[in-house]
Amino acid sequence: MTESTPQPPREWFSPALERLGAAHAAVALEQTDVYNEFHPVGDWFVDMESSTFRQGDITVQMVPMGTLGTDGSWVWAWANPPMHPPGSARLGASLWLRDLGGREEIPELVTPRLELSEFTDARVAAERLLIACLGALRAKGYGSVTADTGARFAMVMTDPAIPEAEFDRVTLPRVIMQGVQVFPHDQRATVLGYLERHGFQVTDPFGEVVAAEREGCALKVTFDEHSRVTDLSVDTQETGHRA
């Protein structure tokens, strides 16, 4: 009897999900910084019926995304009727993502249960999935908390009281490169997604060098033949400062 060769752990989602995440990565991580400052870690409570999440002294509106089980399985909220009965208003966001997955042929968004135990680290995989969800939904933040069962309940925040990330030329290089690190397979999409969100005028978006400007700030990003970022520079035109 021939023993099967063990499969190495997975590192990445499908190309379609990786593209979605890449397109939103920098903006989503930038927004995550704002949310974490607004809602610092503290004692927490989730009220599923009112779709609220209290952490410390602050309560925000949230919508459920899914649950990461102790076995490394991810079950989408729309596929978990015992926790989220069909027709619940709180399912709107996860159903929207499912519809997006159907239109864009993103298998992870339409598959009820994902075996994240196949990845090197199931919790890291779940966090990357949440970052992609946050970006696609243009939500205000994301989080997960551990229930008594050991499973982790994952959500994105939708509360209008949470500030939206504003353009910051000082943090621009960092957030773009963080996005590239988290979703590395379409780095041009990460750069262009960030520039579009912040209203840059872009010259030759698919060239070797992408130049962009807004409100006195000029950006140049150089790509290699595989569309990987090799150089990023920022000029603040009023002062001549280069980052």
C-alpha atoms as a PDB file:
ATOM      1  CA  MET A   1       0.000   0.000   0.000  1.00  0.00           C
ATOM      2  CA  THR A   2       1.446   3.336  -1.046  1.00  0.00           C
ATOM      3  CA  GLU A   3       1.312   6.089   1.547  1.00  0.00           C
ATOM      4  CA  SER A   4       0.065   9.419   0.294  1.00  0.00           C
ATOM      5  CA  THR A   5       2.545  12.267   0.375  1.00  0.00           C
ATOM      6  CA  PRO A   6       1.567  14.901   2.954  1.00  0.00           C
ATOM      7  CA  GLN A   7       0.528  18.159   1.348  1.00  0.00           C
ATOM      8  CA  PRO A   8       2.497  21.235   2.423  1.00  0.00           C
ATOM      9  CA  PRO A   9       0.437  23.867   4.232  1.00  0.00           C
ATOM     10  CA  ARG A  10      -1.167  26.551   2.103  1.00  0.00           C
ATOM     11  CA  GLU A  11      -0.005  30.144   2.180  1.00  0.00           C
ATOM     12  CA  TRP A  12      -2.450  31.820  -0.216  1.00  0.00           C
ATOM     13  CA  PHE A  13      -6.091  31.930  -1.185  1.00  0.00           C
ATOM     14  CA  SER A  14      -7.330  31.582  -4.763  1.00  0.00           C
ATOM     15  CA  PRO A  15      -5.900  34.061  -7.311  1.00  0.00           C
ATOM     16  CA  ALA A  16      -9.283  35.816  -7.429  1.00  0.00           C
ATOM     17  CA  LEU A  17      -9.397  36.385  -3.658  1.00  0.00           C
ATOM     18  CA  GLU A  18      -5.754  37.441  -3.610  1.00  0.00           C
ATOM     19  CA  ARG A  19      -6.521  40.021  -6.323  1.00  0.00           C
ATOM     20  CA  LEU A  20      -9.498  41.345  -4.347  1.00  0.00           C
ATOM     21  CA  GLY A  21      -7.418  41.641  -1.203  1.00  0.00           C
ATOM     22  CA  ALA A  22      -4.549  43.307  -3.026  1.00  0.00           C
ATOM     23  CA  ALA A  23      -6.806  45.954  -4.547  1.00  0.00           C
ATOM     24  CA  HIS A  24      -8.019  47.016  -1.090  1.00  0.00           C
ATOM     25  CA  ALA A  25      -5.068  46.111   1.149  1.00  0.00           C
ATOM     26  CA  ALA A  26      -3.408  49.489   1.696  1.00  0.00           C
ATOM     27  CA  VAL A  27      -6.680  51.349   2.226  1.00  0.00           C
ATOM     28  CA  ALA A  28      -8.021  48.643   4.543  1.00  0.00           C
ATOM     29  CA  LEU A  29      -4.882  48.631   6.687  1.00  0.00           C
ATOM     30  CA  GLU A  30      -4.891  52.424   6.818  1.00  0.00           C
ATOM     31  CA  GLN A  31      -8.492  52.330   8.045  1.00  0.00           C
ATOM     32  CA  THR A  32      -7.620  49.594  10.541  1.00  0.00           C
ATOM     33  CA  ASP A  33      -5.087  51.915  12.191  1.00  0.00           C
ATOM     34  CA  VAL A  34      -7.788  54.566  12.602  1.00  0.00           C
ATOM     35  CA  TYR A  35     -10.272  52.062  14.037  1.00  0.00           C
ATOM     36  CA  ASN A  36      -7.783  50.608  16.520  1.00  0.00           C
ATOM     37  CA  GLU A  37      -7.018  54.089  17.837  1.00  0.00           C
ATOM     38  CA  PHE A  38     -10.736  54.875  18.133  1.00  0.00           C
ATOM     39  CA  HIS A  39     -11.627  51.552  19.825  1.00  0.00           C
ATOM     40  CA  PRO A  40      -8.676  50.367  21.940  1.00  0.00           C
ATOM     41  CA  VAL A  41      -8.591  46.868  23.396  1.00  0.00           C
ATOM     42  CA  GLY A  42     -10.580  46.317  26.596  1.00  0.00           C
ATOM     43  CA  ASP A  43     -13.272  44.150  28.142  1.00  0.00           C
ATOM     44  CA  TRP A  44     -15.760  43.294  25.424  1.00  0.00           C
ATOM     45  CA  PHE A  45     -19.347  42.224  24.843  1.00  0.00           C
ATOM     46  CA  VAL A  46     -21.135  41.282  21.602  1.00  0.00           C
ATOM     47  CA  ASP A  47     -24.886  41.778  21.313  1.00  0.00           C
ATOM     48  CA  MET A  48     -25.876  39.755  18.268  1.00  0.00           C
ATOM     49  CA  GLU A  49     -29.495  40.928  18.163  1.00  0.00           C
ATOM     50  CA  SER A  50     -28.583  44.612  18.097  1.00  0.00           C
ATOM     51  CA  SER A  51     -25.419  44.018  16.020  1.00  0.00           C
ATOM     52  CA  THR A  52     -23.243  45.926  18.465  1.00  0.00           C
ATOM     53  CA  PHE A  53     -19.781  45.352  19.860  1.00  0.00           C
ATOM     54  CA  ARG A  54     -18.733  46.954  23.128  1.00  0.00           C
ATOM     55  CA  GLN A  55     -15.044  47.181  23.905  1.00  0.00           C
ATOM     56  CA  GLY A  56     -13.964  49.146  26.947  1.00  0.00           C
ATOM     57  CA  ASP A  57     -16.392  52.053  27.275  1.00  0.00           C
ATOM     58  CA  ILE A  58     -17.213  52.342  23.563  1.00  0.00           C
ATOM     59  CA  THR A  59     -20.000  50.501  21.717  1.00  0.00           C
ATOM     60  CA  VAL A  60     -20.069  50.388  17.920  1.00  0.00           C
ATOM     61  CA  GLN A  61     -22.288  48.920  15.239  1.00  0.00           C
ATOM     62  CA  MET A  62     -20.907  45.805  13.582  1.00  0.00           C
ATOM     63  CA  VAL A  63     -21.954  43.102  11.147  1.00  0.00           C
ATOM     64  CA  PRO A  64     -20.935  39.443  11.461  1.00  0.00           C
ATOM     65  CA  MET A  65     -18.619  37.961   8.859  1.00  0.00           C
ATOM     66  CA  GLY A  66     -18.069  34.408  10.084  1.00  0.00           C
ATOM     67  CA  THR A  67     -16.755  32.102  12.755  1.00  0.00           C
ATOM     68  CA  LEU A  68     -13.334  30.473  12.986  1.00  0.00           C
ATOM     69  CA  GLY A  69     -13.717  27.138  14.744  1.00  0.00           C
ATOM     70  CA  THR A  70     -11.171  25.472  17.015  1.00  0.00           C
ATOM     71  CA  ASP A  71     -10.571  23.009  14.160  1.00  0.00           C
ATOM     72  CA  GLY A  72      -9.509  25.828  11.834  1.00  0.00           C
ATOM     73  CA  SER A  73     -12.741  25.865   9.829  1.00  0.00           C
ATOM     74  CA  TRP A  74     -14.268  29.178   8.757  1.00  0.00           C
ATOM     75  CA  VAL A  75     -18.065  29.295   8.398  1.00  0.00           C
ATOM     76  CA  TRP A  76     -19.595  32.388   6.817  1.00  0.00           C
ATOM     77  CA  ALA A  77     -22.364  34.116   8.766  1.00  0.00           C
ATOM     78  CA  TRP A  78     -24.840  33.493   5.930  1.00  0.00           C
ATOM     79  CA  ALA A  79     -24.082  29.755   6.181  1.00  0.00           C
ATOM     80  CA  ASN A  80     -24.639  29.551   9.956  1.00  0.00           C
ATOM     81  CA  PRO A  81     -28.416  29.597  10.525  1.00  0.00           C
ATOM     82  CA  PRO A  82     -28.284  28.504  14.201  1.00  0.00           C
ATOM     83  CA  MET A  83     -26.350  31.697  14.984  1.00  0.00           C
ATOM     84  CA  HIS A  84     -27.771  33.940  12.263  1.00  0.00           C
ATOM     85  CA  PRO A  85     -31.309  32.973  11.181  1.00  0.00           C
ATOM     86  CA  PRO A  86     -32.041  33.517   7.466  1.00  0.00           C
ATOM     87  CA  GLY A  87     -33.546  36.922   6.866  1.00  0.00           C
ATOM     88  CA  SER A  88     -31.655  38.577   9.715  1.00  0.00           C
ATOM     89  CA  ALA A  89     -30.769  42.151   8.849  1.00  0.00           C
ATOM     90  CA  ARG A  90     -27.241  41.574  10.135  1.00  0.00           C
ATOM     91  CA  LEU A  91     -26.576  39.153   7.255  1.00  0.00           C
ATOM     92  CA  GLY A  92     -26.729  41.883   4.616  1.00  0.00           C
ATOM     93  CA  ALA A  93     -22.974  42.463   4.424  1.00  0.00           C
ATOM     94  CA  SER A  94     -21.947  38.813   4.250  1.00  0.00           C
ATOM     95  CA  LEU A  95     -24.643  38.154   1.629  1.00  0.00           C
ATOM     96  CA  TRP A  96     -23.354  41.116  -0.379  1.00  0.00           C
ATOM     97  CA  LEU A  97     -19.904  39.536  -0.313  1.00  0.00           C
ATOM     98  CA  ARG A  98     -21.378  36.205  -1.407  1.00  0.00           C
ATOM     99  CA  ASP A  99     -23.025  37.942  -4.370  1.00  0.00           C
ATOM    100  CA  LEU A 100     -19.725  39.652  -5.181  1.00  0.00           C
ATOM    101  CA  GLY A 101     -18.040  36.275  -5.108  1.00  0.00           C
ATOM    102  CA  GLY A 102     -20.592  34.930  -7.554  1.00  0.00           C
ATOM    103  CA  ARG A 103     -20.134  37.809  -9.985  1.00  0.00           C
ATOM    104  CA  GLU A 104     -16.345  37.907  -9.785  1.00  0.00           C
ATOM    105  CA  GLU A 105     -15.857  34.121  -9.489  1.00  0.00           C
ATOM    106  CA  ILE A 106     -14.154  34.305  -6.095  1.00  0.00           C
ATOM    107  CA  PRO A 107     -14.606  30.788  -4.688  1.00  0.00           C
ATOM    108  CA  GLU A 108     -13.913  31.646  -1.037  1.00  0.00           C
ATOM    109  CA  LEU A 109     -16.821  34.106  -0.929  1.00  0.00           C
ATOM    110  CA  VAL A 110     -19.406  31.579  -2.132  1.00  0.00           C
ATOM    111  CA  THR A 111     -18.169  28.475  -0.275  1.00  0.00           C
ATOM    112  CA  PRO A 112     -20.069  28.069   3.033  1.00  0.00           C
ATOM    113  CA  ARG A 113     -17.162  26.467   4.915  1.00  0.00           C
ATOM    114  CA  LEU A 114     -13.463  27.104   4.319  1.00  0.00           C
ATOM    115  CA  GLU A 115     -10.851  24.771   5.769  1.00  0.00           C
ATOM    116  CA  LEU A 116      -8.345  27.324   7.003  1.00  0.00           C
ATOM    117  CA  SER A 117      -6.596  24.520   8.891  1.00  0.00           C
ATOM    118  CA  GLU A 118      -4.945  23.801   5.523  1.00  0.00           C
ATOM    119  CA  PHE A 119      -2.997  27.046   5.915  1.00  0.00           C
ATOM    120  CA  THR A 120       0.215  27.524   7.838  1.00  0.00           C
ATOM    121  CA  ASP A 121      -1.730  29.562  10.412  1.00  0.00           C
ATOM    122  CA  ALA A 122      -5.536  29.489  10.371  1.00  0.00           C
ATOM    123  CA  ARG A 123      -5.861  32.695  12.392  1.00  0.00           C
ATOM    124  CA  VAL A 124      -3.551  34.602  10.054  1.00  0.00           C
ATOM    125  CA  ALA A 125      -5.550  33.297   7.080  1.00  0.00           C
ATOM    126  CA  ALA A 126      -8.798  34.433   8.743  1.00  0.00           C
ATOM    127  CA  GLU A 127      -7.327  37.871   9.391  1.00  0.00           C
ATOM    128  CA  ARG A 128      -6.269  38.238   5.754  1.00  0.00           C
ATOM    129  CA  LEU A 129      -9.794  37.218   4.731  1.00  0.00           C
ATOM    130  CA  LEU A 130     -11.230  39.889   7.041  1.00  0.00           C
ATOM    131  CA  ILE A 131      -8.927  42.557   5.596  1.00  0.00           C
ATOM    132  CA  ALA A 132     -10.209  41.732   2.108  1.00  0.00           C
ATOM    133  CA  CYS A 133     -13.813  41.879   3.394  1.00  0.00           C
ATOM    134  CA  LEU A 134     -13.242  45.212   5.131  1.00  0.00           C
ATOM    135  CA  GLY A 135     -11.818  46.708   1.968  1.00  0.00           C
ATOM    136  CA  ALA A 136     -14.512  45.394  -0.356  1.00  0.00           C
ATOM    137  CA  LEU A 137     -17.272  46.602   1.996  1.00  0.00           C
ATOM    138  CA  ARG A 138     -15.536  49.928   2.727  1.00  0.00           C
ATOM    139  CA  ALA A 139     -16.155  49.176   6.377  1.00  0.00           C
ATOM    140  CA  LYS A 140     -14.614  51.038   9.331  1.00  0.00           C
ATOM    141  CA  GLY A 141     -12.620  48.258  11.012  1.00  0.00           C
ATOM    142  CA  TYR A 142     -12.542  44.575  11.786  1.00  0.00           C
ATOM    143  CA  GLY A 143     -12.143  42.379  14.840  1.00  0.00           C
ATOM    144  CA  SER A 144     -12.596  38.930  16.299  1.00  0.00           C
ATOM    145  CA  VAL A 145     -13.263  37.714  19.825  1.00  0.00           C
ATOM    146  CA  THR A 146     -13.030  34.264  21.394  1.00  0.00           C
ATOM    147  CA  ALA A 147     -16.284  32.726  22.629  1.00  0.00           C
ATOM    148  CA  ASP A 148     -16.623  30.296  25.547  1.00  0.00           C
ATOM    149  CA  THR A 149     -16.441  27.417  23.062  1.00  0.00           C
ATOM    150  CA  GLY A 150     -13.009  28.532  21.877  1.00  0.00           C
ATOM    151  CA  ALA A 151     -14.327  29.556  18.455  1.00  0.00           C
ATOM    152  CA  ARG A 152     -13.596  33.072  17.272  1.00  0.00           C
ATOM    153  CA  PHE A 153     -16.448  35.328  16.170  1.00  0.00           C
ATOM    154  CA  ALA A 154     -15.302  37.655  13.367  1.00  0.00           C
ATOM    155  CA  MET A 155     -16.958  40.925  12.388  1.00  0.00           C
ATOM    156  CA  VAL A 156     -16.447  44.195  10.567  1.00  0.00           C
ATOM    157  CA  MET A 157     -17.432  47.538  12.013  1.00  0.00           C
ATOM    158  CA  THR A 158     -19.905  49.798  10.242  1.00  0.00           C
ATOM    159  CA  ASP A 159     -20.542  52.500  12.837  1.00  0.00           C
ATOM    160  CA  PRO A 160     -20.628  55.996  11.283  1.00  0.00           C
ATOM    161  CA  ALA A 161     -19.077  57.367  14.482  1.00  0.00           C
ATOM    162  CA  ILE A 162     -15.780  55.650  13.604  1.00  0.00           C
ATOM    163  CA  PRO A 163     -13.652  58.149  11.654  1.00  0.00           C
ATOM    164  CA  GLU A 164     -12.615  57.382   8.108  1.00  0.00           C
ATOM    165  CA  ALA A 165      -8.927  57.368   7.343  1.00  0.00           C
ATOM    166  CA  GLU A 166      -7.803  60.613   5.736  1.00  0.00           C
ATOM    167  CA  PHE A 167      -4.937  61.005   3.345  1.00  0.00           C
ATOM    168  CA  ASP A 168      -1.635  61.379   5.177  1.00  0.00           C
ATOM    169  CA  ARG A 169       1.464  61.911   3.049  1.00  0.00           C
ATOM    170  CA  VAL A 170       3.690  60.972   5.993  1.00  0.00           C
ATOM    171  CA  THR A 171       2.225  57.487   6.415  1.00  0.00           C
ATOM    172  CA  LEU A 172       1.638  56.932   2.674  1.00  0.00           C
ATOM    173  CA  PRO A 173       4.809  54.881   1.996  1.00  0.00           C
ATOM    174  CA  ARG A 174       4.270  52.722   5.071  1.00  0.00           C
ATOM    175  CA  VAL A 175       0.629  51.829   4.408  1.00  0.00           C
ATOM    176  CA  ILE A 176       1.276  50.991   0.746  1.00  0.00           C
ATOM    177  CA  MET A 177       4.202  48.735   1.627  1.00  0.00           C
ATOM    178  CA  GLN A 178       2.210  47.090   4.428  1.00  0.00           C
ATOM    179  CA  GLY A 179      -0.538  46.362   1.931  1.00  0.00           C
ATOM    180  CA  VAL A 180       1.986  44.854  -0.462  1.00  0.00           C
ATOM    181  CA  GLN A 181       3.322  42.636   2.324  1.00  0.00           C
ATOM    182  CA  VAL A 182      -0.099  41.329   3.353  1.00  0.00           C
ATOM    183  CA  PHE A 183      -1.367  40.735  -0.205  1.00  0.00           C
ATOM    184  CA  PRO A 184       1.806  40.511  -2.327  1.00  0.00           C
ATOM    185  CA  HIS A 185       0.540  38.973  -5.557  1.00  0.00           C
ATOM    186  CA  ASP A 186      -0.840  42.075  -7.318  1.00  0.00           C
ATOM    187  CA  GLN A 187       1.236  44.972  -6.053  1.00  0.00           C
ATOM    188  CA  ARG A 188       0.168  47.305  -8.847  1.00  0.00           C
ATOM    189  CA  ALA A 189      -3.473  46.820  -7.800  1.00  0.00           C
ATOM    190  CA  THR A 190      -2.542  47.736  -4.230  1.00  0.00           C
ATOM    191  CA  VAL A 191      -0.872  50.954  -5.351  1.00  0.00           C
ATOM    192  CA  LEU A 192      -3.645  51.935  -7.771  1.00  0.00           C
ATOM    193  CA  GLY A 193      -6.368  51.096  -5.239  1.00  0.00           C
ATOM    194  CA  TYR A 194      -4.789  53.430  -2.705  1.00  0.00           C
ATOM    195  CA  LEU A 195      -4.298  56.229  -5.236  1.00  0.00           C
ATOM    196  CA  GLU A 196      -7.874  56.001  -6.475  1.00  0.00           C
ATOM    197  CA  ARG A 197      -9.300  56.073  -2.934  1.00  0.00           C
ATOM    198  CA  HIS A 198      -7.401  59.261  -2.139  1.00  0.00           C
ATOM    199  CA  GLY A 199      -8.144  61.116  -5.352  1.00  0.00           C
ATOM    200  CA  PHE A 200      -4.749  61.064  -7.054  1.00  0.00           C
ATOM    201  CA  GLN A 201      -4.454  61.900 -10.721  1.00  0.00           C
ATOM    202  CA  VAL A 202      -2.463  58.997 -12.174  1.00  0.00           C
ATOM    203  CA  THR A 203      -0.203  59.051 -15.224  1.00  0.00           C
ATOM    204  CA  ASP A 204       0.395  55.777 -17.107  1.00  0.00           C
ATOM    205  CA  PRO A 205      -1.059  53.404 -14.474  1.00  0.00           C
ATOM    206  CA  PHE A 206       0.323  50.325 -16.232  1.00  0.00           C
ATOM    207  CA  GLY A 207       3.772  51.656 -17.033  1.00  0.00           C
ATOM    208  CA  GLU A 208       7.104  50.815 -15.412  1.00  0.00           C
ATOM    209  CA  VAL A 209       6.852  54.044 -13.420  1.00  0.00           C
ATOM    210  CA  VAL A 210       3.484  55.205 -12.103  1.00  0.00           C
ATOM    211  CA  ALA A 211       3.369  58.928 -11.382  1.00  0.00           C
ATOM    212  CA  ALA A 212       0.498  60.467  -9.429  1.00  0.00           C
ATOM    213  CA  GLU A 213      -0.374  63.847  -7.920  1.00  0.00           C
ATOM    214  CA  ARG A 214      -2.876  65.427  -5.559  1.00  0.00           C
ATOM    215  CA  GLU A 215      -2.902  68.664  -3.575  1.00  0.00           C
ATOM    216  CA  GLY A 216       0.782  69.393  -3.881  1.00  0.00           C
ATOM    217  CA  CYS A 217       1.880  65.823  -3.229  1.00  0.00           C
ATOM    218  CA  ALA A 218       3.640  63.915  -5.998  1.00  0.00           C
ATOM    219  CA  LEU A 219       4.236  60.189  -5.877  1.00  0.00           C
ATOM    220  CA  LYS A 220       6.343  57.922  -8.076  1.00  0.00           C
ATOM    221  CA  VAL A 221       6.262  54.143  -7.858  1.00  0.00           C
ATOM    222  CA  THR A 222       8.612  51.976  -9.923  1.00  0.00           C
ATOM    223  CA  PHE A 223       7.747  48.379 -10.810  1.00  0.00           C
ATOM    224  CA  ASP A 224       9.876  45.546 -12.153  1.00  0.00           C
ATOM    225  CA  GLU A 225       8.880  43.286 -15.048  1.00  0.00           C
ATOM    226  CA  HIS A 226       6.669  41.255 -12.665  1.00  0.00           C
ATOM    227  CA  SER A 227       4.802  44.365 -11.466  1.00  0.00           C
ATOM    228  CA  ARG A 228       6.489  44.250  -8.071  1.00  0.00           C
ATOM    229  CA  VAL A 229       7.259  47.535  -6.328  1.00  0.00           C
ATOM    230  CA  THR A 230      10.987  48.304  -6.441  1.00  0.00           C
ATOM    231  CA  ASP A 231      10.938  51.975  -5.435  1.00  0.00           C
ATOM    232  CA  LEU A 232       8.456  54.433  -3.960  1.00  0.00           C
ATOM    233  CA  SER A 233       9.096  58.128  -3.454  1.00  0.00           C
ATOM    234  CA  VAL A 234       6.908  61.001  -2.265  1.00  0.00           C
ATOM    235  CA  ASP A 235       7.529  64.671  -2.958  1.00  0.00           C
ATOM    236  CA  THR A 236       5.727  67.309  -0.923  1.00  0.00           C
ATOM    237  CA  GLN A 237       5.921  70.030  -3.505  1.00  0.00           C
ATOM    238  CA  GLU A 238       5.407  72.977  -1.173  1.00  0.00           C
ATOM    239  CA  THR A 239       8.566  72.155   0.801  1.00  0.00           C
ATOM    240  CA  GLY A 240      10.499  69.955  -1.578  1.00  0.00           C
ATOM    241  CA  HIS A 241      10.469  67.219   1.070  1.00  0.00           C
ATOM    242  CA  ARG A 242      11.095  63.757  -0.272  1.00  0.00           C
ATOM    243  CA  ALA A 243      10.055  60.641   1.674  1.00  0.00           C
END
